[in-house]
Amino acid sequence: RKRHAYRLLARLKSTINEFATRVGQQAVVVLTTSKGQSEASGIKVFGASPLDSVIRQEKDEILAEFHQAVLHATAQPTTSTNKFDLPRLLVDGVAVSLEKMTQAQLRAFIP
């Protein structure tokens, strides 16, 4: 897992550097790192030089806003257990919901 993360991060760094070189725009990638329950998390920043240093200076603010956003996102209760409401399907001319289909109806529906 650590090896995959390192390889992907190296590819991402090279892509950001290539973007900054070819396009001429500044780009920065900000990654949050958590070292465990007991240790504090931090951020990793890499990209174009002037923008990179500005982001590093404001890292405490970024982390505070990130933690607020995570707490707000996890605090909202989910009202529905179904993520998606699928439309009824027509089987032999009769509209049937996917949850109430029999095995035979599912087999006939799937090509």
C-alpha atoms as a PDB file:
ATOM      1  CA  ARG A   1       0.000   0.000   0.000  1.00  0.00           C
ATOM      2  CA  LYS A   2       2.805   2.382   0.853  1.00  0.00           C
ATOM      3  CA  ARG A   3       4.636   1.494  -2.360  1.00  0.00           C
ATOM      4  CA  HIS A   4       1.524   2.155  -4.458  1.00  0.00           C
ATOM      5  CA  ALA A   5       0.979   5.493  -2.742  1.00  0.00           C
ATOM      6  CA  TYR A   6       4.590   6.488  -3.403  1.00  0.00           C
ATOM      7  CA  ARG A   7       4.394   5.539  -7.098  1.00  0.00           C
ATOM      8  CA  LEU A   8       1.098   7.355  -7.634  1.00  0.00           C
ATOM      9  CA  LEU A   9       2.375  10.413  -5.803  1.00  0.00           C
ATOM     10  CA  ALA A  10       5.515  10.461  -7.971  1.00  0.00           C
ATOM     11  CA  ARG A  11       3.357  10.291 -11.116  1.00  0.00           C
ATOM     12  CA  LEU A  12       1.122  13.062  -9.813  1.00  0.00           C
ATOM     13  CA  LYS A  13       4.131  15.264  -9.053  1.00  0.00           C
ATOM     14  CA  SER A  14       5.528  14.772 -12.536  1.00  0.00           C
ATOM     15  CA  THR A  15       2.126  15.542 -14.087  1.00  0.00           C
ATOM     16  CA  ILE A  16       1.800  18.774 -12.081  1.00  0.00           C
ATOM     17  CA  ASN A  17       5.344  19.819 -13.013  1.00  0.00           C
ATOM     18  CA  GLU A  18       4.670  19.074 -16.684  1.00  0.00           C
ATOM     19  CA  PHE A  19       1.426  21.068 -16.512  1.00  0.00           C
ATOM     20  CA  ALA A  20       3.185  24.062 -15.005  1.00  0.00           C
ATOM     21  CA  THR A  21       5.984  23.860 -17.584  1.00  0.00           C
ATOM     22  CA  ARG A  22       3.876  23.358 -20.715  1.00  0.00           C
ATOM     23  CA  VAL A  23       0.795  25.418 -19.905  1.00  0.00           C
ATOM     24  CA  GLY A  24       2.497  28.096 -17.844  1.00  0.00           C
ATOM     25  CA  GLN A  25      -0.111  28.112 -15.090  1.00  0.00           C
ATOM     26  CA  GLN A  26       0.586  27.473 -11.459  1.00  0.00           C
ATOM     27  CA  ALA A  27      -0.908  24.340  -9.974  1.00  0.00           C
ATOM     28  CA  VAL A  28      -0.625  22.868  -6.503  1.00  0.00           C
ATOM     29  CA  VAL A  29      -1.775  19.574  -5.037  1.00  0.00           C
ATOM     30  CA  VAL A  30      -2.690  19.443  -1.359  1.00  0.00           C
ATOM     31  CA  LEU A  31      -2.861  16.057   0.363  1.00  0.00           C
ATOM     32  CA  THR A  32      -4.050  15.428   3.880  1.00  0.00           C
ATOM     33  CA  THR A  33      -2.086  12.929   5.891  1.00  0.00           C
ATOM     34  CA  SER A  34      -3.277  11.216   9.024  1.00  0.00           C
ATOM     35  CA  LYS A  35      -0.756   9.318  11.046  1.00  0.00           C
ATOM     36  CA  GLY A  36      -3.217   7.637  13.358  1.00  0.00           C
ATOM     37  CA  GLN A  37      -5.769   8.330  16.057  1.00  0.00           C
ATOM     38  CA  SER A  38      -3.338   9.729  18.605  1.00  0.00           C
ATOM     39  CA  GLU A  39      -1.133  11.805  16.304  1.00  0.00           C
ATOM     40  CA  ALA A  40      -2.181  15.005  14.588  1.00  0.00           C
ATOM     41  CA  SER A  41      -2.751  15.027  10.867  1.00  0.00           C
ATOM     42  CA  GLY A  42      -0.966  17.330   8.479  1.00  0.00           C
ATOM     43  CA  ILE A  43      -0.823  18.226   4.831  1.00  0.00           C
ATOM     44  CA  LYS A  44       1.609  17.631   2.002  1.00  0.00           C
ATOM     45  CA  VAL A  45       1.893  20.315  -0.649  1.00  0.00           C
ATOM     46  CA  PHE A  46       3.726  20.204  -3.949  1.00  0.00           C
ATOM     47  CA  GLY A  47       3.546  22.098  -7.197  1.00  0.00           C
ATOM     48  CA  ALA A  48       4.544  25.484  -8.618  1.00  0.00           C
ATOM     49  CA  SER A  49       6.989  27.367  -6.407  1.00  0.00           C
ATOM     50  CA  PRO A  50       5.287  30.661  -5.465  1.00  0.00           C
ATOM     51  CA  LEU A  51       1.851  29.125  -4.971  1.00  0.00           C
ATOM     52  CA  ASP A  52       3.378  26.196  -3.101  1.00  0.00           C
ATOM     53  CA  SER A  53       4.923  28.488  -0.473  1.00  0.00           C
ATOM     54  CA  VAL A  54       1.671  30.448  -0.008  1.00  0.00           C
ATOM     55  CA  ILE A  55      -0.280  27.240   0.633  1.00  0.00           C
ATOM     56  CA  ARG A  56       2.365  26.031   3.093  1.00  0.00           C
ATOM     57  CA  GLN A  57       2.063  29.297   5.052  1.00  0.00           C
ATOM     58  CA  GLU A  58      -1.721  28.909   5.309  1.00  0.00           C
ATOM     59  CA  LYS A  59      -1.683  25.199   6.177  1.00  0.00           C
ATOM     60  CA  ASP A  60      -3.154  25.695   9.672  1.00  0.00           C
ATOM     61  CA  GLU A  61      -6.194  27.477   8.240  1.00  0.00           C
ATOM     62  CA  ILE A  62      -6.592  24.856   5.528  1.00  0.00           C
ATOM     63  CA  LEU A  63      -6.472  22.038   8.071  1.00  0.00           C
ATOM     64  CA  ALA A  64      -8.999  23.753  10.339  1.00  0.00           C
ATOM     65  CA  GLU A  65     -11.453  24.264   7.469  1.00  0.00           C
ATOM     66  CA  PHE A  66     -10.897  20.702   6.277  1.00  0.00           C
ATOM     67  CA  HIS A  67     -11.653  19.268   9.715  1.00  0.00           C
ATOM     68  CA  GLN A  68     -14.791  21.446   9.967  1.00  0.00           C
ATOM     69  CA  ALA A  69     -15.970  20.193   6.556  1.00  0.00           C
ATOM     70  CA  VAL A  70     -15.352  16.572   7.533  1.00  0.00           C
ATOM     71  CA  LEU A  71     -17.228  16.991  10.820  1.00  0.00           C
ATOM     72  CA  HIS A  72     -20.115  18.696   9.028  1.00  0.00           C
ATOM     73  CA  ALA A  73     -20.284  15.971   6.383  1.00  0.00           C
ATOM     74  CA  THR A  74     -20.275  13.144   8.932  1.00  0.00           C
ATOM     75  CA  ALA A  75     -22.772  14.862  11.256  1.00  0.00           C
ATOM     76  CA  GLN A  76     -25.576  14.929   8.678  1.00  0.00           C
ATOM     77  CA  PRO A  77     -27.852  11.926   9.194  1.00  0.00           C
ATOM     78  CA  THR A  78     -28.837   9.896   6.191  1.00  0.00           C
ATOM     79  CA  THR A  79     -32.586   9.865   5.695  1.00  0.00           C
ATOM     80  CA  SER A  80     -32.781   7.039   3.213  1.00  0.00           C
ATOM     81  CA  THR A  81     -31.107   3.667   3.217  1.00  0.00           C
ATOM     82  CA  ASN A  82     -31.346   3.505  -0.575  1.00  0.00           C
ATOM     83  CA  LYS A  83     -28.862   5.672  -2.362  1.00  0.00           C
ATOM     84  CA  PHE A  84     -30.763   5.541  -5.616  1.00  0.00           C
ATOM     85  CA  ASP A  85     -34.437   5.314  -6.417  1.00  0.00           C
ATOM     86  CA  LEU A  86     -34.605   3.182  -9.524  1.00  0.00           C
ATOM     87  CA  PRO A  87     -37.607   3.453 -11.848  1.00  0.00           C
ATOM     88  CA  ARG A  88     -39.996   0.535 -12.213  1.00  0.00           C
ATOM     89  CA  LEU A  89     -39.187  -1.906 -14.995  1.00  0.00           C
ATOM     90  CA  LEU A  90     -41.696  -3.355 -17.404  1.00  0.00           C
ATOM     91  CA  VAL A  91     -41.836  -7.135 -17.286  1.00  0.00           C
ATOM     92  CA  ASP A  92     -44.520  -8.712 -19.483  1.00  0.00           C
ATOM     93  CA  GLY A  93     -46.267  -5.337 -19.664  1.00  0.00           C
ATOM     94  CA  VAL A  94     -46.450  -4.950 -15.880  1.00  0.00           C
ATOM     95  CA  ALA A  95     -44.414  -2.334 -13.998  1.00  0.00           C
ATOM     96  CA  VAL A  96     -42.409  -4.028 -11.237  1.00  0.00           C
ATOM     97  CA  SER A  97     -39.884  -2.464  -8.868  1.00  0.00           C
ATOM     98  CA  LEU A  98     -36.432  -4.004  -8.891  1.00  0.00           C
ATOM     99  CA  GLU A  99     -36.686  -5.016  -5.233  1.00  0.00           C
ATOM    100  CA  LYS A 100     -39.881  -7.009  -5.815  1.00  0.00           C
ATOM    101  CA  MET A 101     -38.727  -8.870  -8.934  1.00  0.00           C
ATOM    102  CA  THR A 102     -38.454 -12.627  -8.790  1.00  0.00           C
ATOM    103  CA  GLN A 103     -35.371 -14.511  -9.949  1.00  0.00           C
ATOM    104  CA  ALA A 104     -37.184 -15.619 -13.096  1.00  0.00           C
ATOM    105  CA  GLN A 105     -38.162 -12.036 -13.950  1.00  0.00           C
ATOM    106  CA  LEU A 106     -34.590 -10.850 -13.401  1.00  0.00           C
ATOM    107  CA  ARG A 107     -33.204 -13.617 -15.640  1.00  0.00           C
ATOM    108  CA  ALA A 108     -35.695 -12.740 -18.361  1.00  0.00           C
ATOM    109  CA  PHE A 109     -34.883  -9.032 -18.098  1.00  0.00           C
ATOM    110  CA  ILE A 110     -31.079  -9.337 -18.262  1.00  0.00           C
ATOM    111  CA  PRO A 111     -29.895 -10.103 -21.825  1.00  0.00           C
END
